[in-house]
PDB file of N, CA and C in Angstrom:
ATOM      1  N   UNK A   1     135.449  58.222 207.306  1.00  0.00           N
ATOM      2  CA  UNK A   1     135.053  58.731 205.982  1.00  0.00           C
ATOM      3  C   UNK A   1     133.785  58.002 205.547  1.00  0.00           C
ATOM      4  N   UNK A   2     132.778  58.770 205.251  1.00  0.00           N
ATOM      5  CA  UNK A   2     131.519  58.193 204.790  1.00  0.00           C
ATOM      6  C   UNK A   2     131.598  57.917 203.294  1.00  0.00           C
ATOM      7  N   UNK A   3     131.069  56.792 202.912  1.00  0.00           N
ATOM      8  CA  UNK A   3     131.089  56.411 201.503  1.00  0.00           C
ATOM      9  C   UNK A   3     129.723  56.727 200.905  1.00  0.00           C
ATOM     10  N   UNK A   4     129.707  57.494 199.843  1.00  0.00           N
ATOM     11  CA  UNK A   4     128.452  57.849 199.196  1.00  0.00           C
ATOM     12  C   UNK A   4     128.414  57.203 197.823  1.00  0.00           C
ATOM     13  N   UNK A   5     127.362  56.496 197.563  1.00  0.00           N
ATOM     14  CA  UNK A   5     127.201  55.824 196.281  1.00  0.00           C
ATOM     15  C   UNK A   5     125.954  56.389 195.614  1.00  0.00           C
ATOM     16  N   UNK A   6     126.090  56.716 194.352  1.00  0.00           N
ATOM     17  CA  UNK A   6     124.952  57.234 193.599  1.00  0.00           C
ATOM     18  C   UNK A   6     124.126  56.086 193.047  1.00  0.00           C
ATOM     19  N   UNK A   7     122.828  56.294 192.978  1.00  0.00           N
ATOM     20  CA  UNK A   7     121.968  55.300 192.339  1.00  0.00           C
ATOM     21  C   UNK A   7     122.161  55.401 190.837  1.00  0.00           C
ATOM     22  N   UNK A   8     121.720  54.403 190.134  1.00  0.00           N
ATOM     23  CA  UNK A   8     121.812  54.402 188.661  1.00  0.00           C
ATOM     24  C   UNK A   8     121.046  55.606 188.101  1.00  0.00           C
ATOM     25  N   UNK A   9     119.901  55.886 188.672  1.00  0.00           N
ATOM     26  CA  UNK A   9     119.088  57.020 188.205  1.00  0.00           C
ATOM     27  C   UNK A   9     119.825  58.335 188.413  1.00  0.00           C
ATOM     28  N   UNK A  10     120.482  58.495 189.562  1.00  0.00           N
ATOM     29  CA  UNK A  10     121.243  59.721 189.831  1.00  0.00           C
ATOM     30  C   UNK A  10     122.406  59.858 188.844  1.00  0.00           C
ATOM     31  N   UNK A  11     123.076  58.734 188.568  1.00  0.00           N
ATOM     32  CA  UNK A  11     124.184  58.776 187.602  1.00  0.00           C
ATOM     33  C   UNK A  11     123.686  59.163 186.216  1.00  0.00           C
ATOM     34  N   UNK A  12     122.526  58.645 185.831  1.00  0.00           N
ATOM     35  CA  UNK A  12     121.960  58.981 184.521  1.00  0.00           C
ATOM     36  C   UNK A  12     121.633  60.461 184.426  1.00  0.00           C
ATOM     37  N   UNK A  13     121.093  61.031 185.507  1.00  0.00           N
ATOM     38  CA  UNK A  13     120.778  62.465 185.537  1.00  0.00           C
ATOM     39  C   UNK A  13     122.066  63.269 185.370  1.00  0.00           C
ATOM     40  N   UNK A  14     123.111  62.869 186.083  1.00  0.00           N
ATOM     41  CA  UNK A  14     124.390  63.588 185.991  1.00  0.00           C
ATOM     42  C   UNK A  14     125.008  63.437 184.609  1.00  0.00           C
ATOM     43  N   UNK A  15     124.873  62.249 184.004  1.00  0.00           N
ATOM     44  CA  UNK A  15     125.401  62.038 182.662  1.00  0.00           C
ATOM     45  C   UNK A  15     124.685  62.943 181.656  1.00  0.00           C
ATOM     46  N   UNK A  16     123.365  63.046 181.786  1.00  0.00           N
ATOM     47  CA  UNK A  16     122.591  63.923 180.903  1.00  0.00           C
ATOM     48  C   UNK A  16     122.998  65.382 181.084  1.00  0.00           C
ATOM     49  N   UNK A  17     123.251  65.758 182.342  1.00  0.00           N
ATOM     50  CA  UNK A  17     123.689  67.120 182.631  1.00  0.00           C
ATOM     51  C   UNK A  17     125.059  67.389 182.002  1.00  0.00           C
ATOM     52  N   UNK A  18     125.966  66.421 182.115  1.00  0.00           N
ATOM     53  CA  UNK A  18     127.295  66.564 181.526  1.00  0.00           C
ATOM     54  C   UNK A  18     127.194  66.704 180.003  1.00  0.00           C
ATOM     55  N   UNK A  19     126.335  65.885 179.412  1.00  0.00           N
ATOM     56  CA  UNK A  19     126.142  65.922 177.963  1.00  0.00           C
ATOM     57  C   UNK A  19     125.558  67.270 177.515  1.00  0.00           C
ATOM     58  N   UNK A  20     124.596  67.772 178.270  1.00  0.00           N
ATOM     59  CA  UNK A  20     123.986  69.070 177.955  1.00  0.00           C
ATOM     60  C   UNK A  20     125.018  70.185 178.062  1.00  0.00           C
ATOM     61  N   UNK A  21     125.865  70.118 179.097  1.00  0.00           N
ATOM     62  CA  UNK A  21     126.933  71.116 179.245  1.00  0.00           C
ATOM     63  C   UNK A  21     127.893  71.061 178.065  1.00  0.00           C
ATOM     64  N   UNK A  22     128.239  69.859 177.637  1.00  0.00           N
ATOM     65  CA  UNK A  22     129.153  69.696 176.506  1.00  0.00           C
ATOM     66  C   UNK A  22     128.534  70.271 175.231  1.00  0.00           C
ATOM     67  N   UNK A  23     127.263  69.992 175.008  1.00  0.00           N
ATOM     68  CA  UNK A  23     126.591  70.515 173.810  1.00  0.00           C
ATOM     69  C   UNK A  23     126.552  72.042 173.829  1.00  0.00           C
ATOM     70  N   UNK A  24     126.352  72.612 175.015  1.00  0.00           N
ATOM     71  CA  UNK A  24     126.316  74.067 175.147  1.00  0.00           C
ATOM     72  C   UNK A  24     127.693  74.659 174.822  1.00  0.00           C
ATOM     73  N   UNK A  25     128.744  74.048 175.366  1.00  0.00           N
ATOM     74  CA  UNK A  25     130.102  74.545 175.142  1.00  0.00           C
ATOM     75  C   UNK A  25     130.545  74.364 173.695  1.00  0.00           C
ATOM     76  N   UNK A  26     130.023  73.338 173.039  1.00  0.00           N
ATOM     77  CA  UNK A  26     130.418  73.029 171.663  1.00  0.00           C
ATOM     78  C   UNK A  26     129.401  73.539 170.641  1.00  0.00           C
ATOM     79  N   UNK A  27     128.460  74.348 171.073  1.00  0.00           N
ATOM     80  CA  UNK A  27     127.359  74.786 170.211  1.00  0.00           C
ATOM     81  C   UNK A  27     127.793  75.305 168.837  1.00  0.00           C
ATOM     82  N   UNK A  28     128.786  76.201 168.753  1.00  0.00           N
ATOM     83  CA  UNK A  28     129.162  76.697 167.412  1.00  0.00           C
ATOM     84  C   UNK A  28     129.674  75.579 166.495  1.00  0.00           C
ATOM     85  N   UNK A  29     130.392  74.623 167.054  1.00  0.00           N
ATOM     86  CA  UNK A  29     130.942  73.522 166.253  1.00  0.00           C
ATOM     87  C   UNK A  29     129.837  72.555 165.843  1.00  0.00           C
ATOM     88  N   UNK A  30     128.895  72.311 166.756  1.00  0.00           N
ATOM     89  CA  UNK A  30     127.754  71.456 166.434  1.00  0.00           C
ATOM     90  C   UNK A  30     126.937  72.094 165.315  1.00  0.00           C
ATOM     91  N   UNK A  31     126.731  73.413 165.406  1.00  0.00           N
ATOM     92  CA  UNK A  31     125.970  74.128 164.366  1.00  0.00           C
ATOM     93  C   UNK A  31     126.648  74.029 163.000  1.00  0.00           C
ATOM     94  N   UNK A  32     127.982  74.100 162.977  1.00  0.00           N
ATOM     95  CA  UNK A  32     128.714  73.959 161.705  1.00  0.00           C
ATOM     96  C   UNK A  32     128.432  72.602 161.080  1.00  0.00           C
ATOM     97  N   UNK A  33     128.435  71.555 161.903  1.00  0.00           N
ATOM     98  CA  UNK A  33     128.157  70.213 161.387  1.00  0.00           C
ATOM     99  C   UNK A  33     126.728  70.131 160.866  1.00  0.00           C
ATOM    100  N   UNK A  34     125.778  70.637 161.642  1.00  0.00           N
ATOM    101  CA  UNK A  34     124.368  70.589 161.234  1.00  0.00           C
ATOM    102  C   UNK A  34     124.162  71.343 159.921  1.00  0.00           C
ATOM    103  N   UNK A  35     124.768  72.527 159.807  1.00  0.00           N
ATOM    104  CA  UNK A  35     124.652  73.307 158.564  1.00  0.00           C
ATOM    105  C   UNK A  35     125.236  72.538 157.386  1.00  0.00           C
ATOM    106  N   UNK A  36     126.330  71.839 157.620  1.00  0.00           N
ATOM    107  CA  UNK A  36     126.954  71.059 156.550  1.00  0.00           C
ATOM    108  C   UNK A  36     126.038  69.944 156.057  1.00  0.00           C
ATOM    109  N   UNK A  37     125.236  69.378 156.965  1.00  0.00           N
ATOM    110  CA  UNK A  37     124.397  68.230 156.599  1.00  0.00           C
ATOM    111  C   UNK A  37     123.151  68.613 155.801  1.00  0.00           C
ATOM    112  N   UNK A  38     122.764  69.883 155.844  1.00  0.00           N
ATOM    113  CA  UNK A  38     121.546  70.302 155.144  1.00  0.00           C
ATOM    114  C   UNK A  38     121.637  70.001 153.653  1.00  0.00           C
ATOM    115  N   UNK A  39     120.592  69.377 153.147  1.00  0.00           N
ATOM    116  CA  UNK A  39     120.495  69.090 151.726  1.00  0.00           C
ATOM    117  C   UNK A  39     121.326  67.900 151.284  1.00  0.00           C
ATOM    118  N   UNK A  40     121.892  67.176 152.221  1.00  0.00           N
ATOM    119  CA  UNK A  40     122.711  66.016 151.862  1.00  0.00           C
ATOM    120  C   UNK A  40     122.076  64.751 152.437  1.00  0.00           C
ATOM    121  N   UNK A  41     122.368  63.649 151.796  1.00  0.00           N
ATOM    122  CA  UNK A  41     121.930  62.354 152.336  1.00  0.00           C
ATOM    123  C   UNK A  41     123.180  61.519 152.582  1.00  0.00           C
ATOM    124  N   UNK A  42     123.446  60.572 151.710  1.00  0.00           N
ATOM    125  CA  UNK A  42     124.608  59.694 151.871  1.00  0.00           C
ATOM    126  C   UNK A  42     125.915  60.477 151.789  1.00  0.00           C
ATOM    127  N   UNK A  43     125.936  61.556 151.018  1.00  0.00           N
ATOM    128  CA  UNK A  43     127.172  62.329 150.841  1.00  0.00           C
ATOM    129  C   UNK A  43     127.653  62.979 152.138  1.00  0.00           C
ATOM    130  N   UNK A  44     126.792  63.030 153.165  1.00  0.00           N
ATOM    131  CA  UNK A  44     127.185  63.566 154.474  1.00  0.00           C
ATOM    132  C   UNK A  44     128.422  62.830 154.985  1.00  0.00           C
ATOM    133  N   UNK A  45     128.484  61.542 154.708  1.00  0.00           N
ATOM    134  CA  UNK A  45     129.578  60.712 155.210  1.00  0.00           C
ATOM    135  C   UNK A  45     130.947  61.258 154.845  1.00  0.00           C
ATOM    136  N   UNK A  46     131.090  61.771 153.632  1.00  0.00           N
ATOM    137  CA  UNK A  46     132.400  62.316 153.251  1.00  0.00           C
ATOM    138  C   UNK A  46     132.407  63.839 153.176  1.00  0.00           C
ATOM    139  N   UNK A  47     131.281  64.433 152.868  1.00  0.00           N
ATOM    140  CA  UNK A  47     131.235  65.888 152.698  1.00  0.00           C
ATOM    141  C   UNK A  47     131.404  66.626 154.033  1.00  0.00           C
ATOM    142  N   UNK A  48     130.960  66.015 155.118  1.00  0.00           N
ATOM    143  CA  UNK A  48     130.988  66.685 156.423  1.00  0.00           C
ATOM    144  C   UNK A  48     131.913  65.982 157.411  1.00  0.00           C
ATOM    145  N   UNK A  49     132.844  65.221 156.881  1.00  0.00           N
ATOM    146  CA  UNK A  49     133.740  64.443 157.739  1.00  0.00           C
ATOM    147  C   UNK A  49     134.527  65.335 158.704  1.00  0.00           C
ATOM    148  N   UNK A  50     135.071  66.432 158.213  1.00  0.00           N
ATOM    149  CA  UNK A  50     135.878  67.324 159.061  1.00  0.00           C
ATOM    150  C   UNK A  50     135.034  67.956 160.168  1.00  0.00           C
ATOM    151  N   UNK A  51     133.819  68.403 159.814  1.00  0.00           N
ATOM    152  CA  UNK A  51     132.930  69.008 160.810  1.00  0.00           C
ATOM    153  C   UNK A  51     132.497  67.976 161.851  1.00  0.00           C
ATOM    154  N   UNK A  52     132.238  66.742 161.384  1.00  0.00           N
ATOM    155  CA  UNK A  52     131.833  65.676 162.290  1.00  0.00           C
ATOM    156  C   UNK A  52     132.956  65.350 163.277  1.00  0.00           C
ATOM    157  N   UNK A  53     134.169  65.271 162.763  1.00  0.00           N
ATOM    158  CA  UNK A  53     135.317  64.979 163.623  1.00  0.00           C
ATOM    159  C   UNK A  53     135.541  66.103 164.631  1.00  0.00           C
ATOM    160  N   UNK A  54     135.428  67.351 164.187  1.00  0.00           N
ATOM    161  CA  UNK A  54     135.594  68.494 165.088  1.00  0.00           C
ATOM    162  C   UNK A  54     134.531  68.476 166.180  1.00  0.00           C
ATOM    163  N   UNK A  55     133.303  68.163 165.801  1.00  0.00           N
ATOM    164  CA  UNK A  55     132.210  68.099 166.774  1.00  0.00           C
ATOM    165  C   UNK A  55     132.474  66.998 167.795  1.00  0.00           C
ATOM    166  N   UNK A  56     132.835  65.811 167.327  1.00  0.00           N
ATOM    167  CA  UNK A  56     133.107  64.706 168.247  1.00  0.00           C
ATOM    168  C   UNK A  56     134.281  65.017 169.174  1.00  0.00           C
ATOM    169  N   UNK A  57     135.330  65.625 168.635  1.00  0.00           N
ATOM    170  CA  UNK A  57     136.483  65.979 169.465  1.00  0.00           C
ATOM    171  C   UNK A  57     136.094  66.968 170.552  1.00  0.00           C
ATOM    172  N   UNK A  58     135.280  67.948 170.197  1.00  0.00           N
ATOM    173  CA  UNK A  58     134.831  68.935 171.176  1.00  0.00           C
ATOM    174  C   UNK A  58     133.987  68.263 172.257  1.00  0.00           C
ATOM    175  N   UNK A  59     133.035  67.440 171.851  1.00  0.00           N
ATOM    176  CA  UNK A  59     132.164  66.780 172.819  1.00  0.00           C
ATOM    177  C   UNK A  59     132.959  65.853 173.738  1.00  0.00           C
ATOM    178  N   UNK A  60     133.934  65.150 173.182  1.00  0.00           N
ATOM    179  CA  UNK A  60     134.758  64.263 174.008  1.00  0.00           C
ATOM    180  C   UNK A  60     135.583  65.050 175.026  1.00  0.00           C
ATOM    181  N   UNK A  61     135.961  66.262 174.649  1.00  0.00           N
ATOM    182  CA  UNK A  61     136.739  67.108 175.554  1.00  0.00           C
ATOM    183  C   UNK A  61     135.966  67.442 176.828  1.00  0.00           C
ATOM    184  N   UNK A  62     134.640  67.526 176.722  1.00  0.00           N
ATOM    185  CA  UNK A  62     133.805  67.920 177.857  1.00  0.00           C
ATOM    186  C   UNK A  62     132.995  66.767 178.455  1.00  0.00           C
ATOM    187  N   UNK A  63     133.254  65.543 178.008  1.00  0.00           N
ATOM    188  CA  UNK A  63     132.524  64.392 178.549  1.00  0.00           C
ATOM    189  C   UNK A  63     133.502  63.310 179.024  1.00  0.00           C
ATOM    190  N   UNK A  64     134.533  63.740 179.713  1.00  0.00           N
ATOM    191  CA  UNK A  64     135.524  62.803 180.227  1.00  0.00           C
ATOM    192  C   UNK A  64     135.085  62.244 181.575  1.00  0.00           C
ATOM    193  N   UNK A  65     135.776  61.217 182.005  1.00  0.00           N
ATOM    194  CA  UNK A  65     135.497  60.659 183.338  1.00  0.00           C
ATOM    195  C   UNK A  65     135.771  61.705 184.411  1.00  0.00           C
ATOM    196  N   UNK A  66     136.790  62.538 184.187  1.00  0.00           N
ATOM    197  CA  UNK A  66     137.107  63.603 185.154  1.00  0.00           C
ATOM    198  C   UNK A  66     135.944  64.587 185.273  1.00  0.00           C
ATOM    199  N   UNK A  67     135.309  64.926 184.144  1.00  0.00           N
ATOM    200  CA  UNK A  67     134.136  65.816 184.178  1.00  0.00           C
ATOM    201  C   UNK A  67     132.990  65.164 184.947  1.00  0.00           C
ATOM    202  N   UNK A  68     132.795  63.874 184.713  1.00  0.00           N
ATOM    203  CA  UNK A  68     131.731  63.146 185.417  1.00  0.00           C
ATOM    204  C   UNK A  68     132.034  63.098 186.911  1.00  0.00           C
ATOM    205  N   UNK A  69     133.287  62.862 187.264  1.00  0.00           N
ATOM    206  CA  UNK A  69     133.671  62.811 188.673  1.00  0.00           C
ATOM    207  C   UNK A  69     133.429  64.153 189.358  1.00  0.00           C
ATOM    208  N   UNK A  70     133.725  65.255 188.667  1.00  0.00           N
ATOM    209  CA  UNK A  70     133.473  66.594 189.228  1.00  0.00           C
ATOM    210  C   UNK A  70     131.990  66.788 189.514  1.00  0.00           C
ATOM    211  N   UNK A  71     131.147  66.362 188.553  1.00  0.00           N
ATOM    212  CA  UNK A  71     129.700  66.491 188.748  1.00  0.00           C
ATOM    213  C   UNK A  71     129.228  65.644 189.931  1.00  0.00           C
ATOM    214  N   UNK A  72     129.786  64.438 190.058  1.00  0.00           N
ATOM    215  CA  UNK A  72     129.395  63.560 191.163  1.00  0.00           C
ATOM    216  C   UNK A  72     129.762  64.196 192.504  1.00  0.00           C
ATOM    217  N   UNK A  73     130.967  64.724 192.593  1.00  0.00           N
ATOM    218  CA  UNK A  73     131.418  65.360 193.837  1.00  0.00           C
ATOM    219  C   UNK A  73     130.542  66.558 194.173  1.00  0.00           C
ATOM    220  N   UNK A  74     130.275  67.374 193.148  1.00  0.00           N
ATOM    221  CA  UNK A  74     129.412  68.541 193.349  1.00  0.00           C
ATOM    222  C   UNK A  74     128.026  68.103 193.818  1.00  0.00           C
ATOM    223  N   UNK A  75     127.485  67.075 193.194  1.00  0.00           N
ATOM    224  CA  UNK A  75     126.159  66.560 193.552  1.00  0.00           C
ATOM    225  C   UNK A  75     126.143  66.061 194.992  1.00  0.00           C
ATOM    226  N   UNK A  76     127.167  65.321 195.372  1.00  0.00           N
ATOM    227  CA  UNK A  76     127.219  64.769 196.729  1.00  0.00           C
ATOM    228  C   UNK A  76     127.437  65.839 197.784  1.00  0.00           C
ATOM    229  N   UNK A  77     128.085  66.931 197.395  1.00  0.00           N
ATOM    230  CA  UNK A  77     128.328  68.025 198.339  1.00  0.00           C
ATOM    231  C   UNK A  77     127.127  68.952 198.519  1.00  0.00           C
ATOM    232  N   UNK A  78     126.197  68.902 197.578  1.00  0.00           N
ATOM    233  CA  UNK A  78     125.002  69.764 197.649  1.00  0.00           C
ATOM    234  C   UNK A  78     123.987  69.229 198.625  1.00  0.00           C
TER     235      UNK A  78
END
């Protein structure tokens, strides 16, 4: 069995790709948060708490170690 190790730069590229995929999948929820923040300053902290939590939960759903591992395997197989 050959052992393949990614360079730090390759891992960073894959992490950015994973993050971009998560943002794409969570786009409607991210937009809700952004819309909530318009015209607010400090009040964003409490006024948009629910939207912020929903956005973070969605992003965390698509940025797990398992998602990163899938990308690494796919990258190494290409």
